[in-house]
Structures are given as structure tokens and as C-alpha cells.
């Protein structure tokens, strides 16, 4: 079976894959990687301190930490 995309021509009575439930717009939209230009624009908009604070928040280790034996 051929992979579905937003550009897949309508079949099954003229319905597009999204309308038939074979393709989720959210799944398609969330798989795209932002471009470098989009990331730079976002960082300029919110500020590098806010971006780094969010990065620190989401990458901090889960506590409690246990020592390896």
C-alpha cells in the first residue's frame, strides 16, 4: 500500500484521506521539523534566556538519583 499524504488524490467517492480517517492532519503537521530560520525567528521573539530556561527545565534529571553499585 502506498503511503498517504495530504496530496493523495481523492478516492472512495471523492473523499480525501483526511476525510476518510486514513490520515490525521495533526500527525502530518506535528512530524515536520522547523527550519533553522523559523527557530532563529522564535528565539529572537521570546529571547534566548527563555529558550534556555525551557531547555533546562525539560532536560533536568529526574530525582531521586541513585548511585550505581
C-alpha atoms as a PDB file:
ATOM      1  CA  UNK A   1       0.000   0.000   0.000  1.00  0.00           C
ATOM      2  CA  UNK A   2       1.301   3.428  -0.953  1.00  0.00           C
ATOM      3  CA  UNK A   3       1.876   5.929   1.908  1.00  0.00           C
ATOM      4  CA  UNK A   4      -0.815   8.573   2.212  1.00  0.00           C
ATOM      5  CA  UNK A   5      -0.132  12.269   2.086  1.00  0.00           C
ATOM      6  CA  UNK A   6      -2.215  15.410   2.056  1.00  0.00           C
ATOM      7  CA  UNK A   7      -1.726  15.478  -1.719  1.00  0.00           C
ATOM      8  CA  UNK A   8      -3.104  11.953  -2.249  1.00  0.00           C
ATOM      9  CA  UNK A   9      -5.855  12.240  -4.862  1.00  0.00           C
ATOM     10  CA  UNK A  10      -9.404  11.680  -3.597  1.00  0.00           C
ATOM     11  CA  UNK A  11     -10.828   8.179  -3.925  1.00  0.00           C
ATOM     12  CA  UNK A  12     -13.740   6.312  -2.371  1.00  0.00           C
ATOM     13  CA  UNK A  13     -16.493   8.614  -3.560  1.00  0.00           C
ATOM     14  CA  UNK A  14     -14.307  11.708  -3.859  1.00  0.00           C
ATOM     15  CA  UNK A  15     -13.251  11.900  -0.197  1.00  0.00           C
ATOM     16  CA  UNK A  16      -9.712  12.903   0.680  1.00  0.00           C
ATOM     17  CA  UNK A  17      -7.674  10.649   3.049  1.00  0.00           C
ATOM     18  CA  UNK A  18      -8.237  13.073   5.953  1.00  0.00           C
ATOM     19  CA  UNK A  19     -11.994  12.932   5.468  1.00  0.00           C
ATOM     20  CA  UNK A  20     -11.902   9.119   5.342  1.00  0.00           C
ATOM     21  CA  UNK A  21      -9.928   8.997   8.606  1.00  0.00           C
ATOM     22  CA  UNK A  22      -6.870   7.424   6.941  1.00  0.00           C
ATOM     23  CA  UNK A  23      -4.674  10.452   7.612  1.00  0.00           C
ATOM     24  CA  UNK A  24      -4.624  12.791  10.582  1.00  0.00           C
ATOM     25  CA  UNK A  25      -3.797  16.423   9.951  1.00  0.00           C
ATOM     26  CA  UNK A  26      -2.293  16.654  13.438  1.00  0.00           C
ATOM     27  CA  UNK A  27       0.003  13.696  12.763  1.00  0.00           C
ATOM     28  CA  UNK A  28       1.083  15.207   9.449  1.00  0.00           C
ATOM     29  CA  UNK A  29       1.592  18.672  10.922  1.00  0.00           C
ATOM     30  CA  UNK A  30       3.499  17.510  14.023  1.00  0.00           C
ATOM     31  CA  UNK A  31       6.056  15.481  12.033  1.00  0.00           C
ATOM     32  CA  UNK A  32       7.520  18.497  10.285  1.00  0.00           C
ATOM     33  CA  UNK A  33      10.821  19.777  11.644  1.00  0.00           C
ATOM     34  CA  UNK A  34      11.067  23.561  11.975  1.00  0.00           C
ATOM     35  CA  UNK A  35      13.605  25.239   9.736  1.00  0.00           C
ATOM     36  CA  UNK A  36      16.660  26.977  11.150  1.00  0.00           C
ATOM     37  CA  UNK A  37      15.178  30.315  10.092  1.00  0.00           C
ATOM     38  CA  UNK A  38      11.946  29.580  11.980  1.00  0.00           C
ATOM     39  CA  UNK A  39      13.896  28.643  15.108  1.00  0.00           C
ATOM     40  CA  UNK A  40      16.028  31.790  14.916  1.00  0.00           C
ATOM     41  CA  UNK A  41      12.905  33.912  14.495  1.00  0.00           C
ATOM     42  CA  UNK A  42      11.294  32.241  17.515  1.00  0.00           C
ATOM     43  CA  UNK A  43      14.404  32.719  19.668  1.00  0.00           C
ATOM     44  CA  UNK A  44      14.584  36.384  18.665  1.00  0.00           C
ATOM     45  CA  UNK A  45      10.901  36.778  19.542  1.00  0.00           C
ATOM     46  CA  UNK A  46      10.925  35.174  23.027  1.00  0.00           C
ATOM     47  CA  UNK A  47      14.570  35.711  23.923  1.00  0.00           C
ATOM     48  CA  UNK A  48      17.444  33.269  24.386  1.00  0.00           C
ATOM     49  CA  UNK A  49      17.093  33.235  28.200  1.00  0.00           C
ATOM     50  CA  UNK A  50      13.548  31.902  27.959  1.00  0.00           C
ATOM     51  CA  UNK A  51      14.540  29.239  25.417  1.00  0.00           C
ATOM     52  CA  UNK A  52      17.479  28.060  27.531  1.00  0.00           C
ATOM     53  CA  UNK A  53      15.330  28.045  30.696  1.00  0.00           C
ATOM     54  CA  UNK A  54      12.794  25.805  28.940  1.00  0.00           C
ATOM     55  CA  UNK A  55      15.597  23.545  27.690  1.00  0.00           C
ATOM     56  CA  UNK A  56      16.981  23.265  31.228  1.00  0.00           C
ATOM     57  CA  UNK A  57      13.504  22.513  32.583  1.00  0.00           C
ATOM     58  CA  UNK A  58      12.851  19.657  30.151  1.00  0.00           C
ATOM     59  CA  UNK A  59      16.325  18.122  30.344  1.00  0.00           C
ATOM     60  CA  UNK A  60      16.912  18.184  34.105  1.00  0.00           C
ATOM     61  CA  UNK A  61      17.435  14.764  35.700  1.00  0.00           C
ATOM     62  CA  UNK A  62      14.531  13.086  37.449  1.00  0.00           C
ATOM     63  CA  UNK A  63      15.016  12.937  41.214  1.00  0.00           C
ATOM     64  CA  UNK A  64      15.826  10.981  43.283  1.00  0.00           C
ATOM     65  CA  UNK A  65      19.059   9.851  41.685  1.00  0.00           C
ATOM     66  CA  UNK A  66      20.561   6.553  42.802  1.00  0.00           C
ATOM     67  CA  UNK A  67      24.254   5.727  42.876  1.00  0.00           C
ATOM     68  CA  UNK A  68      25.384   2.839  40.701  1.00  0.00           C
ATOM     69  CA  UNK A  69      26.614  -0.142  42.641  1.00  0.00           C
END
